[in-house]
Protein backbone atom coordinates (compact mmCIF):
# COMPACT_ATOMS: atom_id res chain seq x y z
CA MET A 1 9.20 5.93 73.52
CA THR A 2 8.79 9.27 71.73
CA ALA A 3 6.49 7.70 69.13
CA PHE A 4 4.20 6.34 71.85
CA LEU A 5 4.10 9.71 73.61
CA VAL A 6 3.15 11.43 70.34
CA ILE A 7 0.38 8.85 69.80
CA GLY A 8 -0.86 9.46 73.36
CA ALA A 9 -0.80 13.23 72.87
CA VAL A 10 -2.80 12.88 69.63
CA GLY A 11 -5.38 10.81 71.55
CA VAL A 12 -5.64 13.44 74.31
CA LEU A 13 -6.02 16.13 71.65
CA LEU A 14 -8.83 14.12 70.05
CA LEU A 15 -10.50 13.76 73.47
CA LEU A 16 -10.27 17.52 74.02
CA VAL A 17 -11.73 18.23 70.59
CA SER A 18 -14.50 15.72 71.35
CA LEU A 19 -15.21 17.47 74.66
CA LEU A 20 -15.27 20.93 73.12
CA LEU A 21 -17.11 20.15 69.90
CA GLY A 22 -19.25 17.27 71.16
CA ASP A 23 -21.51 15.73 68.57
CA VAL A 24 -20.21 17.85 65.67
CA LEU A 25 -17.41 15.38 64.94
CA ASP A 26 -19.53 12.31 65.58
CA GLY A 27 -21.52 13.15 62.45
CA ALA A 28 -18.34 12.52 60.42
CA LEU A 29 -18.48 8.89 61.51
CA ASP A 30 -22.16 8.24 60.79
CA ALA A 31 -21.29 5.46 58.37
CA LEU A 32 -19.90 3.57 61.37
CA SER A 33 -22.91 3.68 63.68
CA GLY A 34 -22.87 3.02 67.40
CA ASP A 35 -20.96 4.26 70.40
CA VAL A 36 -17.88 2.19 69.51
CA PHE A 37 -16.83 4.69 66.84
CA SER A 38 -17.55 7.93 68.68
CA THR A 39 -14.74 10.47 68.91
CA ALA A 40 -14.58 9.97 72.68
CA VAL A 41 -14.01 6.23 72.29
CA ILE A 42 -11.46 6.63 69.51
CA GLY A 43 -9.65 9.35 71.47
CA ALA A 44 -9.56 7.17 74.61
CA PHE A 45 -8.25 4.22 72.59
CA VAL A 46 -5.49 6.23 70.88
CA ALA A 47 -4.42 8.02 74.09
CA ALA A 48 -4.31 4.82 76.15
CA THR A 49 -2.46 2.97 73.40
CA GLY A 50 0.20 5.66 73.24
CA PHE A 51 0.62 6.18 76.96
CA GLY A 52 0.37 2.44 77.72
CA GLY A 53 3.14 1.69 75.22
CA ALA A 54 5.27 4.54 76.56
CA THR A 55 4.82 3.29 80.12
CA ALA A 56 5.82 -0.24 79.11
CA GLN A 57 8.95 1.09 77.38
CA ALA A 58 9.80 3.28 80.37
CA LEU A 59 9.67 0.15 82.53
CA GLY A 60 12.25 -1.49 80.26
CA ALA A 61 10.07 -3.55 77.89
CA PRO A 62 11.25 -3.88 74.29
CA ALA A 63 9.22 -2.29 71.50
CA ALA A 64 7.90 -5.71 70.44
CA LEU A 65 6.21 -6.04 73.87
CA SER A 66 5.34 -2.35 74.35
CA LEU A 67 3.02 -2.26 71.34
CA PRO A 68 0.77 -5.14 72.53
CA VAL A 69 0.72 -3.65 76.05
CA GLY A 70 -0.36 -0.31 74.56
CA LEU A 71 -3.03 -1.97 72.43
CA VAL A 72 -4.44 -3.84 75.44
CA ALA A 73 -4.57 -0.57 77.39
CA GLY A 74 -6.22 1.13 74.40
CA VAL A 75 -8.89 -1.56 74.08
CA LEU A 76 -9.57 -1.42 77.83
CA PHE A 77 -9.94 2.36 77.91
CA GLY A 78 -11.92 2.38 74.65
CA TRP A 79 -14.34 -0.16 76.13
CA LEU A 80 -14.62 1.95 79.29
CA ALA A 81 -15.33 5.10 77.25
CA ALA A 82 -17.98 3.26 75.17
CA SER A 83 -19.63 1.93 78.34
CA LEU A 84 -19.72 5.36 79.94
CA THR A 85 -21.06 6.93 76.74
CA ARG A 86 -23.81 4.30 76.54
CA LEU A 87 -24.64 4.86 80.21
CA VAL A 88 -24.92 8.62 79.81
CA ARG A 89 -26.96 8.47 76.62
CA GLY A 90 -29.28 5.74 77.91
CA GLY A 91 -29.92 7.32 81.29
CA GLY A 92 -33.42 8.73 80.92
CA THR A 93 -34.99 11.19 83.25
CA ASP A 94 -38.14 10.90 85.25
CA ALA A 95 -41.31 12.22 83.71
CA THR A 96 -42.56 15.64 84.68
CA PRO A 97 -44.95 15.41 87.64
CA THR A 98 -48.59 15.95 86.69
CA GLY A 99 -51.87 16.50 88.50
CA GLU A 100 -52.48 12.76 88.57
CA ASP A 101 -49.30 12.35 90.62
CA ALA A 102 -50.72 14.67 93.29
CA LEU A 103 -53.65 12.34 94.02
CA GLY A 104 -53.37 11.07 97.59
CA ARG A 105 -50.63 13.54 98.56
CA ASP A 106 -50.71 16.11 101.32
CA GLY A 107 -50.33 19.81 100.79
CA ARG A 108 -51.00 23.23 102.24
CA VAL A 109 -53.52 25.94 101.35
CA VAL A 110 -51.77 28.98 99.87
CA THR A 111 -54.84 31.06 99.04
CA THR A 112 -58.04 30.64 101.06
CA ILE A 113 -60.50 28.19 99.51
CA PRO A 114 -64.04 29.71 99.61
CA SER A 115 -67.19 27.61 99.97
CA GLU A 116 -68.14 28.22 96.32
CA GLY A 117 -65.02 28.56 94.18
CA PHE A 118 -61.36 27.84 94.01
CA GLY A 119 -58.36 28.62 96.17
CA VAL A 120 -54.74 27.58 95.67
CA VAL A 121 -52.77 24.73 97.26
CA ASP A 122 -49.13 23.63 97.10
CA VAL A 123 -48.45 19.89 96.94
CA LEU A 124 -45.01 18.25 97.14
CA VAL A 125 -44.65 15.56 94.44
CA GLY A 126 -41.31 13.85 93.84
CA GLY A 127 -39.32 16.73 95.28
CA HIS A 128 -41.22 19.31 93.21
CA VAL A 129 -43.71 21.76 94.66
CA LEU A 130 -46.75 21.78 92.39
CA ARG A 131 -49.35 24.51 92.68
CA PHE A 132 -52.99 23.71 91.91
CA ASN A 133 -56.32 25.48 91.95
CA ALA A 134 -58.29 23.70 94.65
CA ARG A 135 -61.90 23.20 95.64
CA ALA A 136 -63.11 21.83 98.99
CA ASP A 137 -66.43 20.82 100.61
CA ARG A 138 -66.09 23.66 103.10
CA PRO A 139 -64.06 26.89 103.30
CA LEU A 140 -60.39 26.38 104.22
CA GLU A 141 -58.10 29.10 105.50
CA GLN A 142 -54.59 29.85 104.31
CA GLY A 143 -52.03 27.52 105.94
CA THR A 144 -54.46 24.62 106.46
CA ARG A 145 -52.89 21.24 105.78
CA VAL A 146 -54.91 19.31 103.20
CA HIS A 147 -55.06 15.96 101.39
CA VAL A 148 -55.72 15.76 97.63
CA THR A 149 -58.84 13.61 97.17
CA SER A 150 -59.39 13.90 93.40
CA VAL A 151 -58.09 15.53 90.25
CA LEU A 152 -60.52 17.79 88.39
CA SER A 153 -58.18 18.82 85.57
CA PRO A 154 -54.43 19.11 84.96
CA THR A 155 -54.46 22.33 87.02
CA ALA A 156 -57.26 21.74 89.55
CA VAL A 157 -57.85 19.31 92.42
CA THR A 158 -60.29 18.74 95.25
CA VAL A 159 -58.92 18.62 98.76
CA ALA A 160 -60.01 17.75 102.28
CA PRO A 161 -58.48 19.13 105.47
CA LEU A 162 -56.13 16.85 107.38
CA TRP A 163 -57.28 15.90 110.83
CA ASP A 164 -54.79 17.30 113.34
CA GLY A 165 -56.05 15.30 116.34
CA LEU A 166 -56.27 18.42 118.54
CA SER A 167 -59.95 19.22 117.99
């Protein structure tokens, strides 16, 4: 059982080194491309093999059975580590919101929009508050709720006041 515990400890040590040094060690295995041979996957395999074999021996299994049990545990945990690594690396992020994304959205006037010129509006797009220079057909006071009707440039939009139904 001591041999299996040592193997498991070496695997945990490899996992810790992988966590602390990240991609530095993965460069050593560039000849073996893919997530299957990353230090995280190898560390998970070695640790699970050692601790799986030690657990089997602690439950009374002979060494001839403990080794296959440890290897099955190692393959299972190695596969899990490879799947999680692939998931994390492949999980892209959403694109940065742009002025085009503000089209058709509602916002609020931050700086008064004069009849001839620009003011400033805030528009909520995908959980982000975007601030644009804004032009309108008529003057709009600070705090007026507006609707983005067109995009003039990446930083400028035209807006129209929202009808509040009280007038």
